[in-house]
Amino acid sequence: MADDVTEVSEGKQAAPATQQVQIEISDANVSACYANFCRVTGSPEELIVDFGLNPQPMGIPKDPIQVKQRIIVNYFTAKRLLAALSMSVQRHEAVFGVLETDVQKRVKMPTR
């Protein structure tokens, strides 16, 4: 992700400039899991994002949803994540079409 950098000189604010920074990342010990459920809660200092698997995505689940991963971020990181996710979804929709998030509109239930 790129950070916006704004320089100030002689009391005047310059236009924001985008600066690309290369950061070395190691994902050798990463564990991946699938989630179709997400809950966001927070406090004045941070956001807590829980991910889990809802085995019954249609209707109200009968069993509790098991949260498998919890990510805690500050609001600055959350805002950068929001921008990165938004850009990724916009690119996907530009190629594949609009994503319908309402399951009822997306999936047709079989009639009996």
PDB file of N, CA and C in Angstrom:
ATOM      1  N   MET A   1       0.841  -1.168   0.000  1.00  0.00           N
ATOM      2  CA  MET A   1       0.000   0.000   0.000  1.00  0.00           C
ATOM      3  C   MET A   1       0.886   1.232   0.000  1.00  0.00           C
ATOM      4  N   ALA A   2       0.453   2.245  -0.663  1.00  0.00           N
ATOM      5  CA  ALA A   2       1.213   3.474  -0.713  1.00  0.00           C
ATOM      6  C   ALA A   2       0.673   4.432   0.340  1.00  0.00           C
ATOM      7  N   ASP A   3       1.552   5.173   0.959  1.00  0.00           N
ATOM      8  CA  ASP A   3       1.154   6.181   1.922  1.00  0.00           C
ATOM      9  C   ASP A   3       1.177   7.533   1.237  1.00  0.00           C
ATOM     10  N   ASP A   4       0.197   8.385   1.556  1.00  0.00           N
ATOM     11  CA  ASP A   4       0.213   9.739   1.033  1.00  0.00           C
ATOM     12  C   ASP A   4       1.155  10.570   1.877  1.00  0.00           C
ATOM     13  N   VAL A   5       1.993  11.341   1.199  1.00  0.00           N
ATOM     14  CA  VAL A   5       2.962  12.178   1.881  1.00  0.00           C
ATOM     15  C   VAL A   5       2.680  13.613   1.486  1.00  0.00           C
ATOM     16  N   THR A   6       2.521  14.488   2.453  1.00  0.00           N
ATOM     17  CA  THR A   6       2.285  15.900   2.195  1.00  0.00           C
ATOM     18  C   THR A   6       3.406  16.700   2.827  1.00  0.00           C
ATOM     19  N   GLU A   7       4.055  17.536   2.013  1.00  0.00           N
ATOM     20  CA  GLU A   7       5.133  18.372   2.526  1.00  0.00           C
ATOM     21  C   GLU A   7       4.618  19.783   2.759  1.00  0.00           C
ATOM     22  N   VAL A   8       5.106  20.410   3.810  1.00  0.00           N
ATOM     23  CA  VAL A   8       4.729  21.779   4.125  1.00  0.00           C
ATOM     24  C   VAL A   8       5.990  22.617   4.134  1.00  0.00           C
ATOM     25  N   SER A   9       5.970  23.714   3.350  1.00  0.00           N
ATOM     26  CA  SER A   9       7.123  24.609   3.338  1.00  0.00           C
ATOM     27  C   SER A   9       6.636  26.044   3.360  1.00  0.00           C
ATOM     28  N   GLU A  10       7.274  26.860   4.156  1.00  0.00           N
ATOM     29  CA  GLU A  10       6.972  28.278   4.307  1.00  0.00           C
ATOM     30  C   GLU A  10       5.496  28.521   4.599  1.00  0.00           C
ATOM     31  N   GLY A  11       4.887  27.651   5.422  1.00  0.00           N
ATOM     32  CA  GLY A  11       3.506  27.859   5.829  1.00  0.00           C
ATOM     33  C   GLY A  11       2.482  27.501   4.768  1.00  0.00           C
ATOM     34  N   LYS A  12       2.932  27.008   3.601  1.00  0.00           N
ATOM     35  CA  LYS A  12       1.997  26.628   2.542  1.00  0.00           C
ATOM     36  C   LYS A  12       1.991  25.111   2.424  1.00  0.00           C
ATOM     37  N   GLN A  13       0.800  24.559   2.195  1.00  0.00           N
ATOM     38  CA  GLN A  13       0.678  23.115   2.082  1.00  0.00           C
ATOM     39  C   GLN A  13       0.796  22.714   0.621  1.00  0.00           C
ATOM     40  N   ALA A  14       1.681  21.767   0.350  1.00  0.00           N
ATOM     41  CA  ALA A  14       1.861  21.256  -1.001  1.00  0.00           C
ATOM     42  C   ALA A  14       0.796  20.201  -1.292  1.00  0.00           C
ATOM     43  N   ALA A  15       0.598  19.911  -2.565  1.00  0.00           N
ATOM     44  CA  ALA A  15      -0.360  18.872  -2.959  1.00  0.00           C
ATOM     45  C   ALA A  15       0.148  17.509  -2.492  1.00  0.00           C
ATOM     46  N   PRO A  16      -0.770  16.621  -2.073  1.00  0.00           N
ATOM     47  CA  PRO A  16      -0.335  15.295  -1.633  1.00  0.00           C
ATOM     48  C   PRO A  16       0.356  14.538  -2.772  1.00  0.00           C
ATOM     49  N   ALA A  17       1.420  13.848  -2.444  1.00  0.00           N
ATOM     50  CA  ALA A  17       2.155  13.041  -3.415  1.00  0.00           C
ATOM     51  C   ALA A  17       2.092  11.585  -2.978  1.00  0.00           C
ATOM     52  N   THR A  18       1.964  10.698  -3.942  1.00  0.00           N
ATOM     53  CA  THR A  18       1.937   9.278  -3.629  1.00  0.00           C
ATOM     54  C   THR A  18       3.344   8.731  -3.784  1.00  0.00           C
ATOM     55  N   GLN A  19       3.800   8.040  -2.759  1.00  0.00           N
ATOM     56  CA  GLN A  19       5.149   7.491  -2.757  1.00  0.00           C
ATOM     57  C   GLN A  19       5.055   5.989  -2.585  1.00  0.00           C
ATOM     58  N   GLN A  20       5.621   5.235  -3.532  1.00  0.00           N
ATOM     59  CA  GLN A  20       5.633   3.783  -3.446  1.00  0.00           C
ATOM     60  C   GLN A  20       6.822   3.344  -2.613  1.00  0.00           C
ATOM     61  N   VAL A  21       6.555   2.493  -1.637  1.00  0.00           N
ATOM     62  CA  VAL A  21       7.605   1.980  -0.769  1.00  0.00           C
ATOM     63  C   VAL A  21       7.608   0.462  -0.892  1.00  0.00           C
ATOM     64  N   GLN A  22       8.771  -0.117  -1.166  1.00  0.00           N
ATOM     65  CA  GLN A  22       8.899  -1.564  -1.242  1.00  0.00           C
ATOM     66  C   GLN A  22       9.231  -2.101   0.144  1.00  0.00           C
ATOM     67  N   ILE A  23       8.396  -2.994   0.642  1.00  0.00           N
ATOM     68  CA  ILE A  23       8.602  -3.597   1.947  1.00  0.00           C
ATOM     69  C   ILE A  23       8.757  -5.095   1.741  1.00  0.00           C
ATOM     70  N   GLU A  24       9.794  -5.671   2.324  1.00  0.00           N
ATOM     71  CA  GLU A  24      10.003  -7.113   2.214  1.00  0.00           C
ATOM     72  C   GLU A  24       9.061  -7.828   3.166  1.00  0.00           C
ATOM     73  N   ILE A  25       8.355  -8.835   2.645  1.00  0.00           N
ATOM     74  CA  ILE A  25       7.366  -9.568   3.432  1.00  0.00           C
ATOM     75  C   ILE A  25       7.664 -11.061   3.340  1.00  0.00           C
ATOM     76  N   SER A  26       7.586 -11.741   4.466  1.00  0.00           N
ATOM     77  CA  SER A  26       7.741 -13.190   4.487  1.00  0.00           C
ATOM     78  C   SER A  26       6.424 -13.805   4.921  1.00  0.00           C
ATOM     79  N   ASP A  27       5.870 -14.675   4.094  1.00  0.00           N
ATOM     80  CA  ASP A  27       4.634 -15.363   4.460  1.00  0.00           C
ATOM     81  C   ASP A  27       4.875 -16.866   4.631  1.00  0.00           C
ATOM     82  N   ALA A  28       6.076 -17.222   5.041  1.00  0.00           N
ATOM     83  CA  ALA A  28       6.454 -18.628   5.206  1.00  0.00           C
ATOM     84  C   ALA A  28       5.614 -19.330   6.277  1.00  0.00           C
ATOM     85  N   ASN A  29       5.196 -18.634   7.313  1.00  0.00           N
ATOM     86  CA  ASN A  29       4.457 -19.261   8.414  1.00  0.00           C
ATOM     87  C   ASN A  29       2.979 -18.857   8.445  1.00  0.00           C
ATOM     88  N   VAL A  30       2.460 -18.363   7.350  1.00  0.00           N
ATOM     89  CA  VAL A  30       1.076 -17.918   7.328  1.00  0.00           C
ATOM     90  C   VAL A  30       0.128 -19.118   7.269  1.00  0.00           C
ATOM     91  N   SER A  31      -1.002 -18.982   7.916  1.00  0.00           N
ATOM     92  CA  SER A  31      -2.046 -19.997   7.794  1.00  0.00           C
ATOM     93  C   SER A  31      -3.267 -19.317   7.182  1.00  0.00           C
ATOM     94  N   ALA A  32      -3.854 -19.978   6.215  1.00  0.00           N
ATOM     95  CA  ALA A  32      -4.999 -19.406   5.509  1.00  0.00           C
ATOM     96  C   ALA A  32      -6.272 -20.113   5.948  1.00  0.00           C
ATOM     97  N   CYS A  33      -7.352 -19.368   6.021  1.00  0.00           N
ATOM     98  CA  CYS A  33      -8.647 -19.965   6.312  1.00  0.00           C
ATOM     99  C   CYS A  33      -9.701 -19.214   5.504  1.00  0.00           C
ATOM    100  N   TYR A  34     -10.798 -19.884   5.225  1.00  0.00           N
ATOM    101  CA  TYR A  34     -11.900 -19.297   4.470  1.00  0.00           C
ATOM    102  C   TYR A  34     -12.924 -18.744   5.446  1.00  0.00           C
ATOM    103  N   ALA A  35     -13.494 -17.594   5.122  1.00  0.00           N
ATOM    104  CA  ALA A  35     -14.547 -17.011   5.950  1.00  0.00           C
ATOM    105  C   ALA A  35     -15.670 -16.495   5.057  1.00  0.00           C
ATOM    106  N   ASN A  36     -16.902 -16.756   5.461  1.00  0.00           N
ATOM    107  CA  ASN A  36     -18.055 -16.161   4.787  1.00  0.00           C
ATOM    108  C   ASN A  36     -18.871 -15.334   5.783  1.00  0.00           C
ATOM    109  N   PHE A  37     -18.276 -15.085   6.939  1.00  0.00           N
ATOM    110  CA  PHE A  37     -18.900 -14.281   7.989  1.00  0.00           C
ATOM    111  C   PHE A  37     -17.854 -13.319   8.536  1.00  0.00           C
ATOM    112  N   CYS A  38     -18.283 -12.094   8.781  1.00  0.00           N
ATOM    113  CA  CYS A  38     -17.386 -11.089   9.348  1.00  0.00           C
ATOM    114  C   CYS A  38     -18.192 -10.203  10.299  1.00  0.00           C
ATOM    115  N   ARG A  39     -17.607  -9.924  11.456  1.00  0.00           N
ATOM    116  CA  ARG A  39     -18.232  -9.028  12.435  1.00  0.00           C
ATOM    117  C   ARG A  39     -17.204  -7.980  12.812  1.00  0.00           C
ATOM    118  N   VAL A  40     -17.616  -6.713  12.822  1.00  0.00           N
ATOM    119  CA  VAL A  40     -16.715  -5.618  13.181  1.00  0.00           C
ATOM    120  C   VAL A  40     -17.245  -4.947  14.443  1.00  0.00           C
ATOM    121  N   THR A  41     -16.412  -4.891  15.461  1.00  0.00           N
ATOM    122  CA  THR A  41     -16.727  -4.167  16.693  1.00  0.00           C
ATOM    123  C   THR A  41     -15.523  -3.291  16.997  1.00  0.00           C
ATOM    124  N   GLY A  42     -15.621  -2.465  17.990  1.00  0.00           N
ATOM    125  CA  GLY A  42     -14.474  -1.626  18.274  1.00  0.00           C
ATOM    126  C   GLY A  42     -14.596  -0.815  19.531  1.00  0.00           C
ATOM    127  N   SER A  43     -13.550  -0.060  19.740  1.00  0.00           N
ATOM    128  CA  SER A  43     -13.451   0.865  20.862  1.00  0.00           C
ATOM    129  C   SER A  43     -12.962   2.193  20.289  1.00  0.00           C
ATOM    130  N   PRO A  44     -12.818   3.215  21.101  1.00  0.00           N
ATOM    131  CA  PRO A  44     -12.302   4.478  20.574  1.00  0.00           C
ATOM    132  C   PRO A  44     -10.885   4.373  19.997  1.00  0.00           C
ATOM    133  N   GLU A  45     -10.131   3.358  20.392  1.00  0.00           N
ATOM    134  CA  GLU A  45      -8.738   3.239  19.937  1.00  0.00           C
ATOM    135  C   GLU A  45      -8.529   2.255  18.801  1.00  0.00           C
ATOM    136  N   GLU A  46      -9.407   1.234  18.665  1.00  0.00           N
ATOM    137  CA  GLU A  46      -9.125   0.173  17.698  1.00  0.00           C
ATOM    138  C   GLU A  46     -10.399  -0.501  17.200  1.00  0.00           C
ATOM    139  N   LEU A  47     -10.257  -1.196  16.081  1.00  0.00           N
ATOM    140  CA  LEU A  47     -11.335  -2.006  15.532  1.00  0.00           C
ATOM    141  C   LEU A  47     -10.986  -3.471  15.702  1.00  0.00           C
ATOM    142  N   ILE A  48     -11.992  -4.270  15.993  1.00  0.00           N
ATOM    143  CA  ILE A  48     -11.821  -5.708  16.133  1.00  0.00           C
ATOM    144  C   ILE A  48     -12.651  -6.349  15.030  1.00  0.00           C
ATOM    145  N   VAL A  49     -11.984  -7.122  14.171  1.00  0.00           N
ATOM    146  CA  VAL A  49     -12.652  -7.766  13.050  1.00  0.00           C
ATOM    147  C   VAL A  49     -12.565  -9.278  13.259  1.00  0.00           C
ATOM    148  N   ASP A  50     -13.725  -9.917  13.417  1.00  0.00           N
ATOM    149  CA  ASP A  50     -13.803 -11.364  13.603  1.00  0.00           C
ATOM    150  C   ASP A  50     -14.233 -12.008  12.293  1.00  0.00           C
ATOM    151  N   PHE A  51     -13.591 -13.138  11.958  1.00  0.00           N
ATOM    152  CA  PHE A  51     -13.922 -13.893  10.755  1.00  0.00           C
ATOM    153  C   PHE A  51     -14.324 -15.301  11.161  1.00  0.00           C
ATOM    154  N   GLY A  52     -15.326 -15.842  10.483  1.00  0.00           N
ATOM    155  CA  GLY A  52     -15.767 -17.193  10.778  1.00  0.00           C
ATOM    156  C   GLY A  52     -16.464 -17.820   9.594  1.00  0.00           C
ATOM    157  N   LEU A  53     -16.920 -19.041   9.806  1.00  0.00           N
ATOM    158  CA  LEU A  53     -17.620 -19.776   8.761  1.00  0.00           C
ATOM    159  C   LEU A  53     -19.056 -20.009   9.197  1.00  0.00           C
ATOM    160  N   ASN A  54     -19.986 -19.508   8.400  1.00  0.00           N
ATOM    161  CA  ASN A  54     -21.410 -19.707   8.637  1.00  0.00           C
ATOM    162  C   ASN A  54     -21.848 -20.877   7.758  1.00  0.00           C
ATOM    163  N   PRO A  55     -22.105 -22.037   8.344  1.00  0.00           N
ATOM    164  CA  PRO A  55     -22.465 -23.196   7.529  1.00  0.00           C
ATOM    165  C   PRO A  55     -23.858 -23.078   6.904  1.00  0.00           C
ATOM    166  N   GLN A  56     -24.656 -22.118   7.359  1.00  0.00           N
ATOM    167  CA  GLN A  56     -25.993 -21.893   6.814  1.00  0.00           C
ATOM    168  C   GLN A  56     -26.113 -20.435   6.369  1.00  0.00           C
ATOM    169  N   PRO A  57     -25.557 -20.073   5.201  1.00  0.00           N
ATOM    170  CA  PRO A  57     -25.580 -18.672   4.789  1.00  0.00           C
ATOM    171  C   PRO A  57     -26.969 -18.153   4.424  1.00  0.00           C
ATOM    172  N   MET A  58     -27.932 -19.055   4.211  1.00  0.00           N
ATOM    173  CA  MET A  58     -29.294 -18.633   3.901  1.00  0.00           C
ATOM    174  C   MET A  58     -30.114 -18.656   5.188  1.00  0.00           C
ATOM    175  N   GLY A  59     -30.727 -17.548   5.532  1.00  0.00           N
ATOM    176  CA  GLY A  59     -31.558 -17.503   6.725  1.00  0.00           C
ATOM    177  C   GLY A  59     -30.736 -17.337   7.994  1.00  0.00           C
ATOM    178  N   ILE A  60     -31.381 -17.616   9.112  1.00  0.00           N
ATOM    179  CA  ILE A  60     -30.731 -17.466  10.414  1.00  0.00           C
ATOM    180  C   ILE A  60     -30.099 -18.797  10.802  1.00  0.00           C
ATOM    181  N   PRO A  61     -28.795 -18.793  11.113  1.00  0.00           N
ATOM    182  CA  PRO A  61     -28.137 -20.054  11.477  1.00  0.00           C
ATOM    183  C   PRO A  61     -28.712 -20.636  12.765  1.00  0.00           C
ATOM    184  N   LYS A  62     -28.839 -21.959  12.809  1.00  0.00           N
ATOM    185  CA  LYS A  62     -29.352 -22.645  14.001  1.00  0.00           C
ATOM    186  C   LYS A  62     -28.260 -22.775  15.059  1.00  0.00           C
ATOM    187  N   ASP A  63     -27.035 -22.998  14.619  1.00  0.00           N
ATOM    188  CA  ASP A  63     -25.903 -23.160  15.540  1.00  0.00           C
ATOM    189  C   ASP A  63     -25.087 -21.877  15.582  1.00  0.00           C
ATOM    190  N   PRO A  64     -24.378 -21.640  16.680  1.00  0.00           N
ATOM    191  CA  PRO A  64     -23.523 -20.453  16.750  1.00  0.00           C
ATOM    192  C   PRO A  64     -22.435 -20.494  15.674  1.00  0.00           C
ATOM    193  N   ILE A  65     -22.112 -19.336  15.131  1.00  0.00           N
ATOM    194  CA  ILE A  65     -21.024 -19.229  14.154  1.00  0.00           C
ATOM    195  C   ILE A  65     -19.714 -19.233  14.927  1.00  0.00           C
ATOM    196  N   GLN A  66     -18.820 -20.119  14.538  1.00  0.00           N
ATOM    197  CA  GLN A  66     -17.519 -20.231  15.193  1.00  0.00           C
ATOM    198  C   GLN A  66     -16.559 -19.193  14.607  1.00  0.00           C
ATOM    199  N   VAL A  67     -16.111 -18.258  15.427  1.00  0.00           N
ATOM    200  CA  VAL A  67     -15.110 -17.286  14.997  1.00  0.00           C
ATOM    201  C   VAL A  67     -13.758 -17.980  15.013  1.00  0.00           C
ATOM    202  N   LYS A  68     -13.051 -17.935  13.880  1.00  0.00           N
ATOM    203  CA  LYS A  68     -11.770 -18.637  13.752  1.00  0.00           C
ATOM    204  C   LYS A  68     -10.575 -17.695  13.751  1.00  0.00           C
ATOM    205  N   GLN A  69     -10.788 -16.461  13.341  1.00  0.00           N
ATOM    206  CA  GLN A  69      -9.696 -15.490  13.276  1.00  0.00           C
ATOM    207  C   GLN A  69     -10.180 -14.148  13.807  1.00  0.00           C
ATOM    208  N   ARG A  70      -9.332 -13.461  14.541  1.00  0.00           N
ATOM    209  CA  ARG A  70      -9.635 -12.119  15.037  1.00  0.00           C
ATOM    210  C   ARG A  70      -8.449 -11.231  14.696  1.00  0.00           C
ATOM    211  N   ILE A  71      -8.742 -10.137  14.017  1.00  0.00           N
ATOM    212  CA  ILE A  71      -7.718  -9.157  13.656  1.00  0.00           C
ATOM    213  C   ILE A  71      -8.062  -7.863  14.382  1.00  0.00           C
ATOM    214  N   ILE A  72      -7.093  -7.299  15.084  1.00  0.00           N
ATOM    215  CA  ILE A  72      -7.291  -6.042  15.811  1.00  0.00           C
ATOM    216  C   ILE A  72      -6.382  -5.003  15.174  1.00  0.00           C
ATOM    217  N   VAL A  73      -6.968  -3.897  14.730  1.00  0.00           N
ATOM    218  CA  VAL A  73      -6.199  -2.840  14.067  1.00  0.00           C
ATOM    219  C   VAL A  73      -6.581  -1.485  14.639  1.00  0.00           C
ATOM    220  N   ASN A  74      -5.653  -0.527  14.511  1.00  0.00           N
ATOM    221  CA  ASN A  74      -6.000   0.842  14.879  1.00  0.00           C
ATOM    222  C   ASN A  74      -6.763   1.476  13.712  1.00  0.00           C
ATOM    223  N   TYR A  75      -7.340   2.636  13.932  1.00  0.00           N
ATOM    224  CA  TYR A  75      -8.176   3.256  12.900  1.00  0.00           C
ATOM    225  C   TYR A  75      -7.374   3.725  11.696  1.00  0.00           C
ATOM    226  N   PHE A  76      -6.111   4.038  11.852  1.00  0.00           N
ATOM    227  CA  PHE A  76      -5.279   4.430  10.719  1.00  0.00           C
ATOM    228  C   PHE A  76      -5.087   3.246   9.783  1.00  0.00           C
ATOM    229  N   THR A  77      -4.771   2.087  10.354  1.00  0.00           N
ATOM    230  CA  THR A  77      -4.615   0.874   9.557  1.00  0.00           C
ATOM    231  C   THR A  77      -5.949   0.480   8.932  1.00  0.00           C
ATOM    232  N   ALA A  78      -7.041   0.626   9.672  1.00  0.00           N
ATOM    233  CA  ALA A  78      -8.372   0.303   9.152  1.00  0.00           C
ATOM    234  C   ALA A  78      -8.697   1.167   7.939  1.00  0.00           C
ATOM    235  N   LYS A  79      -8.342   2.432   7.979  1.00  0.00           N
ATOM    236  CA  LYS A  79      -8.628   3.329   6.855  1.00  0.00           C
ATOM    237  C   LYS A  79      -7.804   2.942   5.633  1.00  0.00           C
ATOM    238  N   ARG A  80      -6.542   2.559   5.836  1.00  0.00           N
ATOM    239  CA  ARG A  80      -5.716   2.109   4.713  1.00  0.00           C
ATOM    240  C   ARG A  80      -6.264   0.792   4.153  1.00  0.00           C
ATOM    241  N   LEU A  81      -6.715  -0.109   5.033  1.00  0.00           N
ATOM    242  CA  LEU A  81      -7.308  -1.366   4.594  1.00  0.00           C
ATOM    243  C   LEU A  81      -8.584  -1.106   3.807  1.00  0.00           C
ATOM    244  N   LEU A  82      -9.420  -0.192   4.274  1.00  0.00           N
ATOM    245  CA  LEU A  82     -10.645   0.180   3.574  1.00  0.00           C
ATOM    246  C   LEU A  82     -10.333   0.647   2.155  1.00  0.00           C
ATOM    247  N   ALA A  83      -9.338   1.494   2.002  1.00  0.00           N
ATOM    248  CA  ALA A  83      -8.964   2.005   0.680  1.00  0.00           C
ATOM    249  C   ALA A  83      -8.461   0.876  -0.219  1.00  0.00           C
ATOM    250  N   ALA A  84      -7.632  -0.008   0.326  1.00  0.00           N
ATOM    251  CA  ALA A  84      -7.082  -1.110  -0.467  1.00  0.00           C
ATOM    252  C   ALA A  84      -8.187  -2.085  -0.889  1.00  0.00           C
ATOM    253  N   LEU A  85      -9.099  -2.422   0.034  1.00  0.00           N
ATOM    254  CA  LEU A  85     -10.198  -3.323  -0.300  1.00  0.00           C
ATOM    255  C   LEU A  85     -11.137  -2.691  -1.313  1.00  0.00           C
ATOM    256  N   SER A  86     -11.433  -1.416  -1.139  1.00  0.00           N
ATOM    257  CA  SER A  86     -12.314  -0.709  -2.065  1.00  0.00           C
ATOM    258  C   SER A  86     -11.732  -0.710  -3.481  1.00  0.00           C
ATOM    259  N   MET A  87     -10.452  -0.428  -3.593  1.00  0.00           N
ATOM    260  CA  MET A  87      -9.799  -0.425  -4.896  1.00  0.00           C
ATOM    261  C   MET A  87      -9.822  -1.822  -5.522  1.00  0.00           C
ATOM    262  N   SER A  88      -9.584  -2.846  -4.720  1.00  0.00           N
ATOM    263  CA  SER A  88      -9.589  -4.223  -5.228  1.00  0.00           C
ATOM    264  C   SER A  88     -10.977  -4.635  -5.714  1.00  0.00           C
ATOM    265  N   VAL A  89     -12.016  -4.291  -4.953  1.00  0.00           N
ATOM    266  CA  VAL A  89     -13.383  -4.643  -5.349  1.00  0.00           C
ATOM    267  C   VAL A  89     -13.774  -3.870  -6.613  1.00  0.00           C
ATOM    268  N   GLN A  90     -13.413  -2.600  -6.707  1.00  0.00           N
ATOM    269  CA  GLN A  90     -13.720  -1.817  -7.907  1.00  0.00           C
ATOM    270  C   GLN A  90     -13.066  -2.421  -9.140  1.00  0.00           C
ATOM    271  N   ARG A  91     -11.826  -2.854  -9.022  1.00  0.00           N
ATOM    272  CA  ARG A  91     -11.143  -3.493 -10.157  1.00  0.00           C
ATOM    273  C   ARG A  91     -11.834  -4.793 -10.538  1.00  0.00           C
ATOM    274  N   HIS A  92     -12.218  -5.590  -9.553  1.00  0.00           N
ATOM    275  CA  HIS A  92     -12.916  -6.856  -9.817  1.00  0.00           C
ATOM    276  C   HIS A  92     -14.242  -6.600 -10.534  1.00  0.00           C
ATOM    277  N   GLU A  93     -15.016  -5.630 -10.035  1.00  0.00           N
ATOM    278  CA  GLU A  93     -16.309  -5.332 -10.639  1.00  0.00           C
ATOM    279  C   GLU A  93     -16.161  -4.769 -12.048  1.00  0.00           C
ATOM    280  N   ALA A  94     -15.090  -4.038 -12.302  1.00  0.00           N
ATOM    281  CA  ALA A  94     -14.858  -3.507 -13.647  1.00  0.00           C
ATOM    282  C   ALA A  94     -14.643  -4.637 -14.651  1.00  0.00           C
ATOM    283  N   VAL A  95     -14.063  -5.732 -14.208  1.00  0.00           N
ATOM    284  CA  VAL A  95     -13.785  -6.870 -15.088  1.00  0.00           C
ATOM    285  C   VAL A  95     -14.951  -7.849 -15.127  1.00  0.00           C
ATOM    286  N   PHE A  96     -15.529  -8.167 -13.965  1.00  0.00           N
ATOM    287  CA  PHE A  96     -16.501  -9.254 -13.868  1.00  0.00           C
ATOM    288  C   PHE A  96     -17.940  -8.810 -13.626  1.00  0.00           C
ATOM    289  N   GLY A  97     -18.177  -7.538 -13.396  1.00  0.00           N
ATOM    290  CA  GLY A  97     -19.528  -7.053 -13.141  1.00  0.00           C
ATOM    291  C   GLY A  97     -19.754  -6.793 -11.663  1.00  0.00           C
ATOM    292  N   VAL A  98     -20.870  -6.132 -11.372  1.00  0.00           N
ATOM    293  CA  VAL A  98     -21.201  -5.714 -10.016  1.00  0.00           C
ATOM    294  C   VAL A  98     -21.450  -6.932  -9.125  1.00  0.00           C
ATOM    295  N   LEU A  99     -20.929  -6.885  -7.916  1.00  0.00           N
ATOM    296  CA  LEU A  99     -21.135  -7.938  -6.923  1.00  0.00           C
ATOM    297  C   LEU A  99     -22.385  -7.627  -6.113  1.00  0.00           C
ATOM    298  N   GLU A 100     -23.332  -8.549  -6.111  1.00  0.00           N
ATOM    299  CA  GLU A 100     -24.549  -8.392  -5.323  1.00  0.00           C
ATOM    300  C   GLU A 100     -24.300  -8.987  -3.946  1.00  0.00           C
ATOM    301  N   THR A 101     -24.381  -8.166  -2.907  1.00  0.00           N
ATOM    302  CA  THR A 101     -24.098  -8.652  -1.559  1.00  0.00           C
ATOM    303  C   THR A 101     -25.336  -9.211  -0.854  1.00  0.00           C
ATOM    304  N   ASP A 102     -26.523  -8.932  -1.374  1.00  0.00           N
ATOM    305  CA  ASP A 102     -27.741  -9.477  -0.791  1.00  0.00           C
ATOM    306  C   ASP A 102     -27.944 -10.900  -1.327  1.00  0.00           C
ATOM    307  N   VAL A 103     -27.768 -11.895  -0.461  1.00  0.00           N
ATOM    308  CA  VAL A 103     -27.858 -13.294  -0.871  1.00  0.00           C
ATOM    309  C   VAL A 103     -29.236 -13.598  -1.460  1.00  0.00           C
ATOM    310  N   GLN A 104     -30.286 -13.003  -0.919  1.00  0.00           N
ATOM    311  CA  GLN A 104     -31.646 -13.268  -1.409  1.00  0.00           C
ATOM    312  C   GLN A 104     -31.802 -12.847  -2.868  1.00  0.00           C
ATOM    313  N   LYS A 105     -31.138 -11.792  -3.284  1.00  0.00           N
ATOM    314  CA  LYS A 105     -31.212 -11.327  -4.669  1.00  0.00           C
ATOM    315  C   LYS A 105     -30.302 -12.153  -5.580  1.00  0.00           C
ATOM    316  N   ARG A 106     -29.260 -12.718  -5.004  1.00  0.00           N
ATOM    317  CA  ARG A 106     -28.245 -13.423  -5.794  1.00  0.00           C
ATOM    318  C   ARG A 106     -28.581 -14.883  -6.037  1.00  0.00           C
ATOM    319  N   VAL A 107     -29.211 -15.529  -5.066  1.00  0.00           N
ATOM    320  CA  VAL A 107     -29.486 -16.969  -5.140  1.00  0.00           C
ATOM    321  C   VAL A 107     -30.978 -17.184  -5.207  1.00  0.00           C
ATOM    322  N   LYS A 108     -31.385 -18.030  -6.146  1.00  0.00           N
ATOM    323  CA  LYS A 108     -32.809 -18.364  -6.251  1.00  0.00           C
ATOM    324  C   LYS A 108     -33.051 -19.666  -5.512  1.00  0.00           C
ATOM    325  N   MET A 109     -33.997 -19.625  -4.596  1.00  0.00           N
ATOM    326  CA  MET A 109     -34.349 -20.814  -3.820  1.00  0.00           C
ATOM    327  C   MET A 109     -35.211 -21.742  -4.676  1.00  0.00           C
ATOM    328  N   PRO A 110     -34.959 -23.052  -4.586  1.00  0.00           N
ATOM    329  CA  PRO A 110     -35.787 -23.990  -5.353  1.00  0.00           C
ATOM    330  C   PRO A 110     -37.212 -24.002  -4.823  1.00  0.00           C
ATOM    331  N   THR A 111     -38.168 -24.091  -5.740  1.00  0.00           N
ATOM    332  CA  THR A 111     -39.568 -24.167  -5.323  1.00  0.00           C
ATOM    333  C   THR A 111     -39.992 -25.626  -5.250  1.00  0.00           C
ATOM    334  N   ARG A 112     -40.896 -25.913  -4.344  1.00  0.00           N
ATOM    335  CA  ARG A 112     -41.357 -27.299  -4.154  1.00  0.00           C
ATOM    336  C   ARG A 112     -42.680 -27.503  -4.788  1.00  0.00           C
TER     337      ARG A 112
END
